[in-house]
Each structure stands twice: as structure tokens, then as C-alpha cells.
PDB file of N, CA and C in Angstrom:
ATOM      1  N   MET A   1      -1.460  -5.459  15.275  1.00  0.00           N
ATOM      2  CA  MET A   1      -0.264  -5.799  15.173  1.00  0.00           C
ATOM      3  C   MET A   1       0.499  -5.113  14.360  1.00  0.00           C
ATOM      4  N   GLN A   2       1.366  -4.185  14.418  1.00  0.00           N
ATOM      5  CA  GLN A   2       2.149  -3.286  13.387  1.00  0.00           C
ATOM      6  C   GLN A   2       2.892  -4.070  12.373  1.00  0.00           C
ATOM      7  N   LYS A   3       2.753  -2.881  11.171  1.00  0.00           N
ATOM      8  CA  LYS A   3       3.744  -3.801  10.191  1.00  0.00           C
ATOM      9  C   LYS A   3       5.340  -3.571  10.426  1.00  0.00           C
ATOM     10  N   GLY A   4       6.342  -4.311   9.633  1.00  0.00           N
ATOM     11  CA  GLY A   4       7.472  -3.940  10.170  1.00  0.00           C
ATOM     12  C   GLY A   4       8.257  -4.691  11.389  1.00  0.00           C
ATOM     13  N   THR A   5       7.445  -4.957  12.494  1.00  0.00           N
ATOM     14  CA  THR A   5       7.411  -5.396  14.305  1.00  0.00           C
ATOM     15  C   THR A   5       8.516  -6.839  14.208  1.00  0.00           C
ATOM     16  N   ASN A   6       9.263  -7.105  14.925  1.00  0.00           N
ATOM     17  CA  ASN A   6       9.679  -8.373  15.199  1.00  0.00           C
ATOM     18  C   ASN A   6       8.555  -8.844  16.167  1.00  0.00           C
ATOM     19  N   TRP A   7       8.806 -10.298  16.034  1.00  0.00           N
ATOM     20  CA  TRP A   7       7.749 -11.010  17.189  1.00  0.00           C
ATOM     21  C   TRP A   7       8.326 -11.329  18.286  1.00  0.00           C
ATOM     22  N   ASN A   8       7.738 -10.736  19.617  1.00  0.00           N
ATOM     23  CA  ASN A   8       8.790 -10.375  20.838  1.00  0.00           C
ATOM     24  C   ASN A   8       7.962 -11.256  21.882  1.00  0.00           C
ATOM     25  N   GLU A   9       6.909 -12.385  21.651  1.00  0.00           N
ATOM     26  CA  GLU A   9       6.167 -13.405  22.313  1.00  0.00           C
ATOM     27  C   GLU A   9       6.869 -14.641  22.347  1.00  0.00           C
ATOM     28  N   GLU A  10       7.221 -15.725  23.258  1.00  0.00           N
ATOM     29  CA  GLU A  10       6.953 -16.836  23.388  1.00  0.00           C
ATOM     30  C   GLU A  10       6.214 -17.637  22.662  1.00  0.00           C
ATOM     31  N   THR A  11       4.608 -17.393  22.693  1.00  0.00           N
ATOM     32  CA  THR A  11       4.061 -18.387  21.364  1.00  0.00           C
ATOM     33  C   THR A  11       3.298 -17.034  20.631  1.00  0.00           C
ATOM     34  N   ILE A  12       2.926 -17.769  19.514  1.00  0.00           N
ATOM     35  CA  ILE A  12       2.322 -17.073  18.476  1.00  0.00           C
ATOM     36  C   ILE A  12       1.063 -18.027  17.979  1.00  0.00           C
ATOM     37  N   THR A  13       0.076 -17.537  17.709  1.00  0.00           N
ATOM     38  CA  THR A  13      -1.394 -17.966  17.223  1.00  0.00           C
ATOM     39  C   THR A  13      -0.895 -18.344  15.500  1.00  0.00           C
ATOM     40  N   LYS A  14      -2.460 -19.167  15.419  1.00  0.00           N
ATOM     41  CA  LYS A  14      -1.763 -19.577  14.034  1.00  0.00           C
ATOM     42  C   LYS A  14      -2.166 -18.131  12.725  1.00  0.00           C
ATOM     43  N   GLU A  15      -3.504 -17.369  13.531  1.00  0.00           N
ATOM     44  CA  GLU A  15      -3.982 -16.657  13.061  1.00  0.00           C
ATOM     45  C   GLU A  15      -3.171 -15.510  12.961  1.00  0.00           C
ATOM     46  N   GLN A  16      -1.824 -15.290  14.051  1.00  0.00           N
ATOM     47  CA  GLN A  16      -1.124 -14.229  14.247  1.00  0.00           C
ATOM     48  C   GLN A  16       0.070 -14.850  13.582  1.00  0.00           C
ATOM     49  N   PHE A  17       0.696 -15.297  13.312  1.00  0.00           N
ATOM     50  CA  PHE A  17       1.495 -15.966  12.401  1.00  0.00           C
ATOM     51  C   PHE A  17       1.264 -15.965  10.485  1.00  0.00           C
ATOM     52  N   ILE A  18      -0.160 -16.042  10.497  1.00  0.00           N
ATOM     53  CA  ILE A  18      -0.584 -15.651   9.045  1.00  0.00           C
ATOM     54  C   ILE A  18      -0.557 -14.262   8.775  1.00  0.00           C
ATOM     55  N   GLN A  19      -1.099 -13.199  10.155  1.00  0.00           N
ATOM     56  CA  GLN A  19      -0.870 -11.473   9.354  1.00  0.00           C
ATOM     57  C   GLN A  19       0.296 -11.666   9.235  1.00  0.00           C
ATOM     58  N   LEU A  20       1.263 -12.456  10.380  1.00  0.00           N
ATOM     59  CA  LEU A  20       2.742 -11.457   9.891  1.00  0.00           C
ATOM     60  C   LEU A  20       3.302 -12.065   8.654  1.00  0.00           C
ATOM     61  N   LEU A  21       3.129 -13.174   7.876  1.00  0.00           N
ATOM     62  CA  LEU A  21       3.670 -13.180   7.151  1.00  0.00           C
ATOM     63  C   LEU A  21       2.698 -12.816   5.908  1.00  0.00           C
ATOM     64  N   ARG A  22       1.403 -12.290   5.712  1.00  0.00           N
ATOM     65  CA  ARG A  22       0.865 -11.628   5.092  1.00  0.00           C
ATOM     66  C   ARG A  22       1.401  -9.779   5.028  1.00  0.00           C
ATOM     67  N   ASP A  23       1.778  -9.401   6.099  1.00  0.00           N
ATOM     68  CA  ASP A  23       2.604  -7.953   6.433  1.00  0.00           C
ATOM     69  C   ASP A  23       3.962  -8.251   6.021  1.00  0.00           C
ATOM     70  N   LYS A  24       4.397  -9.221   5.529  1.00  0.00           N
ATOM     71  CA  LYS A  24       5.793 -10.189   5.137  1.00  0.00           C
ATOM     72  C   LYS A  24       6.002  -9.300   3.976  1.00  0.00           C
ATOM     73  N   ILE A  25       4.987 -10.373   3.022  1.00  0.00           N
ATOM     74  CA  ILE A  25       4.661 -10.281   1.370  1.00  0.00           C
ATOM     75  C   ILE A  25       4.466  -9.463   1.153  1.00  0.00           C
ATOM     76  N   ALA A  26       3.626  -8.972   1.477  1.00  0.00           N
ATOM     77  CA  ALA A  26       3.222  -7.043   1.230  1.00  0.00           C
ATOM     78  C   ALA A  26       4.166  -6.380   0.935  1.00  0.00           C
ATOM     79  N   SER A  27       5.352  -6.576   1.694  1.00  0.00           N
ATOM     80  CA  SER A  27       6.263  -5.238   2.522  1.00  0.00           C
ATOM     81  C   SER A  27       7.719  -5.814   1.020  1.00  0.00           C
ATOM     82  N   VAL A  28       7.327  -6.990   0.423  1.00  0.00           N
ATOM     83  CA  VAL A  28       8.923  -7.518  -0.286  1.00  0.00           C
ATOM     84  C   VAL A  28       8.517  -6.737  -1.344  1.00  0.00           C
ATOM     85  N   SER A  29      10.206  -6.465  -2.416  1.00  0.00           N
ATOM     86  CA  SER A  29      10.162  -6.083  -3.365  1.00  0.00           C
ATOM     87  C   SER A  29      10.427  -7.500  -4.399  1.00  0.00           C
ATOM     88  N   PHE A  30       9.279  -7.647  -4.972  1.00  0.00           N
ATOM     89  CA  PHE A  30       9.580  -9.096  -5.895  1.00  0.00           C
ATOM     90  C   PHE A  30      10.273  -8.727  -6.568  1.00  0.00           C
ATOM     91  N   ASN A  31      10.809  -7.510  -7.857  1.00  0.00           N
ATOM     92  CA  ASN A  31      10.986  -7.206  -8.581  1.00  0.00           C
ATOM     93  C   ASN A  31      13.006  -7.358  -8.406  1.00  0.00           C
ATOM     94  N   ARG A  32      12.927  -7.019  -6.643  1.00  0.00           N
ATOM     95  CA  ARG A  32      14.579  -6.766  -6.557  1.00  0.00           C
ATOM     96  C   ARG A  32      14.705  -8.029  -6.145  1.00  0.00           C
ATOM     97  N   VAL A  33      13.579  -9.050  -5.521  1.00  0.00           N
ATOM     98  CA  VAL A  33      14.144 -10.355  -5.567  1.00  0.00           C
ATOM     99  C   VAL A  33      14.543 -11.181  -6.445  1.00  0.00           C
ATOM    100  N   ARG A  34      13.560 -11.084  -7.820  1.00  0.00           N
ATOM    101  CA  ARG A  34      13.831 -11.984  -8.945  1.00  0.00           C
ATOM    102  C   ARG A  34      15.312 -11.182  -9.478  1.00  0.00           C
ATOM    103  N   GLU A  35      15.547 -10.083  -9.447  1.00  0.00           N
ATOM    104  CA  GLU A  35      16.865  -9.589  -9.715  1.00  0.00           C
ATOM    105  C   GLU A  35      18.265 -10.448  -9.044  1.00  0.00           C
ATOM    106  N   ASP A  36      17.517 -10.355  -7.981  1.00  0.00           N
ATOM    107  CA  ASP A  36      19.012 -11.106  -7.099  1.00  0.00           C
ATOM    108  C   ASP A  36      18.758 -12.422  -7.273  1.00  0.00           C
ATOM    109  N   ILE A  37      17.550 -12.951  -7.744  1.00  0.00           N
ATOM    110  CA  ILE A  37      18.337 -14.694  -7.909  1.00  0.00           C
ATOM    111  C   ILE A  37      18.490 -15.179  -9.430  1.00  0.00           C
ATOM    112  N   VAL A  38      17.815 -14.329 -10.509  1.00  0.00           N
ATOM    113  CA  VAL A  38      17.831 -14.516 -11.565  1.00  0.00           C
ATOM    114  C   VAL A  38      19.226 -15.436 -11.998  1.00  0.00           C
ATOM    115  N   ARG A  39      20.367 -15.072 -11.900  1.00  0.00           N
ATOM    116  CA  ARG A  39      21.380 -15.577 -12.230  1.00  0.00           C
ATOM    117  C   ARG A  39      21.947 -17.024 -11.959  1.00  0.00           C
ATOM    118  N   PHE A  40      20.380 -17.375 -10.345  1.00  0.00           N
ATOM    119  CA  PHE A  40      20.949 -19.064 -10.353  1.00  0.00           C
ATOM    120  C   PHE A  40      19.941 -19.745 -11.094  1.00  0.00           C
ATOM    121  N   ILE A  41      18.751 -19.169 -12.127  1.00  0.00           N
ATOM    122  CA  ILE A  41      17.967 -19.890 -12.337  1.00  0.00           C
ATOM    123  C   ILE A  41      17.916 -20.217 -13.691  1.00  0.00           C
ATOM    124  N   ARG A  42      18.467 -21.616 -14.202  1.00  0.00           N
ATOM    125  CA  ARG A  42      18.230 -21.955 -15.726  1.00  0.00           C
ATOM    126  C   ARG A  42      17.157 -21.113 -16.446  1.00  0.00           C
ATOM    127  N   ASP A  43      15.949 -21.305 -16.057  1.00  0.00           N
ATOM    128  CA  ASP A  43      14.432 -20.962 -16.826  1.00  0.00           C
ATOM    129  C   ASP A  43      14.156 -19.586 -15.915  1.00  0.00           C
ATOM    130  N   ASP A  44      14.406 -18.434 -16.161  1.00  0.00           N
ATOM    131  CA  ASP A  44      13.800 -17.169 -15.294  1.00  0.00           C
ATOM    132  C   ASP A  44      12.293 -16.947 -15.416  1.00  0.00           C
ATOM    133  N   SER A  45      11.814 -17.245 -17.057  1.00  0.00           N
ATOM    134  CA  SER A  45      10.253 -17.633 -16.804  1.00  0.00           C
ATOM    135  C   SER A  45       9.407 -18.301 -15.882  1.00  0.00           C
ATOM    136  N   ILE A  46      10.409 -19.063 -14.741  1.00  0.00           N
ATOM    137  CA  ILE A  46       9.415 -19.630 -13.964  1.00  0.00           C
ATOM    138  C   ILE A  46       9.121 -18.555 -12.687  1.00  0.00           C
ATOM    139  N   LEU A  47       9.893 -17.722 -13.350  1.00  0.00           N
ATOM    140  CA  LEU A  47       9.672 -16.460 -11.954  1.00  0.00           C
ATOM    141  C   LEU A  47       8.596 -15.304 -12.306  1.00  0.00           C
ATOM    142  N   ASP A  48       7.956 -15.828 -13.466  1.00  0.00           N
ATOM    143  CA  ASP A  48       7.223 -14.666 -14.035  1.00  0.00           C
ATOM    144  C   ASP A  48       6.019 -14.644 -13.068  1.00  0.00           C
ATOM    145  N   ILE A  49       5.485 -15.768 -12.296  1.00  0.00           N
ATOM    146  CA  ILE A  49       4.315 -15.637 -11.550  1.00  0.00           C
ATOM    147  C   ILE A  49       4.930 -15.010 -10.010  1.00  0.00           C
ATOM    148  N   TRP A  50       5.719 -14.959  -9.735  1.00  0.00           N
ATOM    149  CA  TRP A  50       5.988 -14.155  -8.298  1.00  0.00           C
ATOM    150  C   TRP A  50       5.433 -12.813  -8.533  1.00  0.00           C
ATOM    151  N   SER A  51       4.417 -12.964  -7.103  1.00  0.00           N
ATOM    152  CA  SER A  51       4.094 -11.727  -6.962  1.00  0.00           C
ATOM    153  C   SER A  51       3.779 -11.458  -5.753  1.00  0.00           C
ATOM    154  N   ALA A  52       2.730 -10.859  -5.028  1.00  0.00           N
ATOM    155  CA  ALA A  52       2.757 -10.459  -3.946  1.00  0.00           C
ATOM    156  C   ALA A  52       1.208 -11.515  -3.735  1.00  0.00           C
ATOM    157  N   SER A  53       0.448 -11.048  -4.870  1.00  0.00           N
ATOM    158  CA  SER A  53      -0.789 -11.708  -4.925  1.00  0.00           C
ATOM    159  C   SER A  53      -0.206 -13.629  -4.968  1.00  0.00           C
ATOM    160  N   TYR A  54       0.432 -14.103  -5.818  1.00  0.00           N
ATOM    161  CA  TYR A  54       0.858 -15.267  -6.107  1.00  0.00           C
ATOM    162  C   TYR A  54       1.082 -16.287  -4.405  1.00  0.00           C
ATOM    163  N   PHE A  55       2.205 -15.467  -3.789  1.00  0.00           N
ATOM    164  CA  PHE A  55       2.701 -15.791  -2.336  1.00  0.00           C
ATOM    165  C   PHE A  55       1.640 -15.278  -1.192  1.00  0.00           C
ATOM    166  N   THR A  56       0.351 -14.985  -1.528  1.00  0.00           N
ATOM    167  CA  THR A  56      -0.530 -14.637  -0.630  1.00  0.00           C
ATOM    168  C   THR A  56      -1.613 -15.979  -0.811  1.00  0.00           C
ATOM    169  N   ASP A  57      -1.700 -16.450  -1.982  1.00  0.00           N
ATOM    170  CA  ASP A  57      -2.835 -17.192  -2.269  1.00  0.00           C
ATOM    171  C   ASP A  57      -2.064 -18.427  -1.718  1.00  0.00           C
ATOM    172  N   LEU A  58      -0.684 -18.969  -1.726  1.00  0.00           N
ATOM    173  CA  LEU A  58      -0.317 -20.091  -0.887  1.00  0.00           C
ATOM    174  C   LEU A  58      -0.215 -19.920   0.351  1.00  0.00           C
ATOM    175  N   ILE A  59      -0.601 -19.099   0.937  1.00  0.00           N
ATOM    176  CA  ILE A  59      -0.726 -19.418   2.715  1.00  0.00           C
ATOM    177  C   ILE A  59      -1.743 -20.402   3.127  1.00  0.00           C
ATOM    178  N   VAL A  60      -3.000 -19.896   2.615  1.00  0.00           N
ATOM    179  CA  VAL A  60      -3.657 -21.478   2.891  1.00  0.00           C
ATOM    180  C   VAL A  60      -3.313 -22.501   2.646  1.00  0.00           C
ATOM    181  N   LYS A  61      -2.028 -22.498   1.777  1.00  0.00           N
ATOM    182  CA  LYS A  61      -1.726 -24.630   1.726  1.00  0.00           C
ATOM    183  C   LYS A  61      -0.592 -24.782   3.112  1.00  0.00           C
ATOM    184  N   ILE A  62      -0.502 -23.704   3.663  1.00  0.00           N
ATOM    185  CA  ILE A  62       0.375 -24.221   5.187  1.00  0.00           C
ATOM    186  C   ILE A  62      -0.538 -25.095   6.184  1.00  0.00           C
ATOM    187  N   LYS A  63       0.224 -26.018   6.440  1.00  0.00           N
ATOM    188  CA  LYS A  63      -0.530 -26.805   7.626  1.00  0.00           C
ATOM    189  C   LYS A  63       0.024 -26.767   8.443  1.00  0.00           C
ATOM    190  N   PHE A  64      -0.730 -26.544   9.786  1.00  0.00           N
ATOM    191  CA  PHE A  64      -0.173 -26.261  11.421  1.00  0.00           C
ATOM    192  C   PHE A  64      -0.312 -27.480  12.431  1.00  0.00           C
ATOM    193  N   LYS A  65       0.358 -27.430  12.749  1.00  0.00           N
ATOM    194  CA  LYS A  65       0.421 -28.936  13.639  1.00  0.00           C
ATOM    195  C   LYS A  65      -0.538 -28.645  15.050  1.00  0.00           C
ATOM    196  N   LYS A  66      -1.179 -29.327  15.739  1.00  0.00           N
ATOM    197  CA  LYS A  66      -2.544 -29.227  16.638  1.00  0.00           C
ATOM    198  C   LYS A  66      -0.811 -29.572  17.626  1.00  0.00           C
TER     199      LYS A  66
END
């Protein structure tokens, strides 16, 4: 699967979804995201944990219906 490509199939497997999500997370500039939303957050220290590794670690918590 190439990075930056859109999904053009009718269905997607769990593994394919996870790979697309990993690719997207890897391409995000979390510093830019923080800059965009910091004005909407009262306590911006909660954004300190935001990183590619943080969101990648959260992938294991996604639940899929069968």
C-alpha cells in the first residue's frame, strides 16, 4: 500500500485499515495540529502527549465488529 493514497475499494480488512491509519499518523505534523487547536483548549498541557507514537499506541484499542 502506498502512503498518501486514498482507499478505492468497496471493502477494507482490519489489517488494511490499521495500515492506512498508521500511514496517516506517520504523515501528520503534530506540532502544526497543536498550533491549530491550542486556542480552543483551556489547559494546553494536555496536548503535550500528542505524538505519532501516542496515537500509534492507541490503535490497539480500536474495536472492530465482526
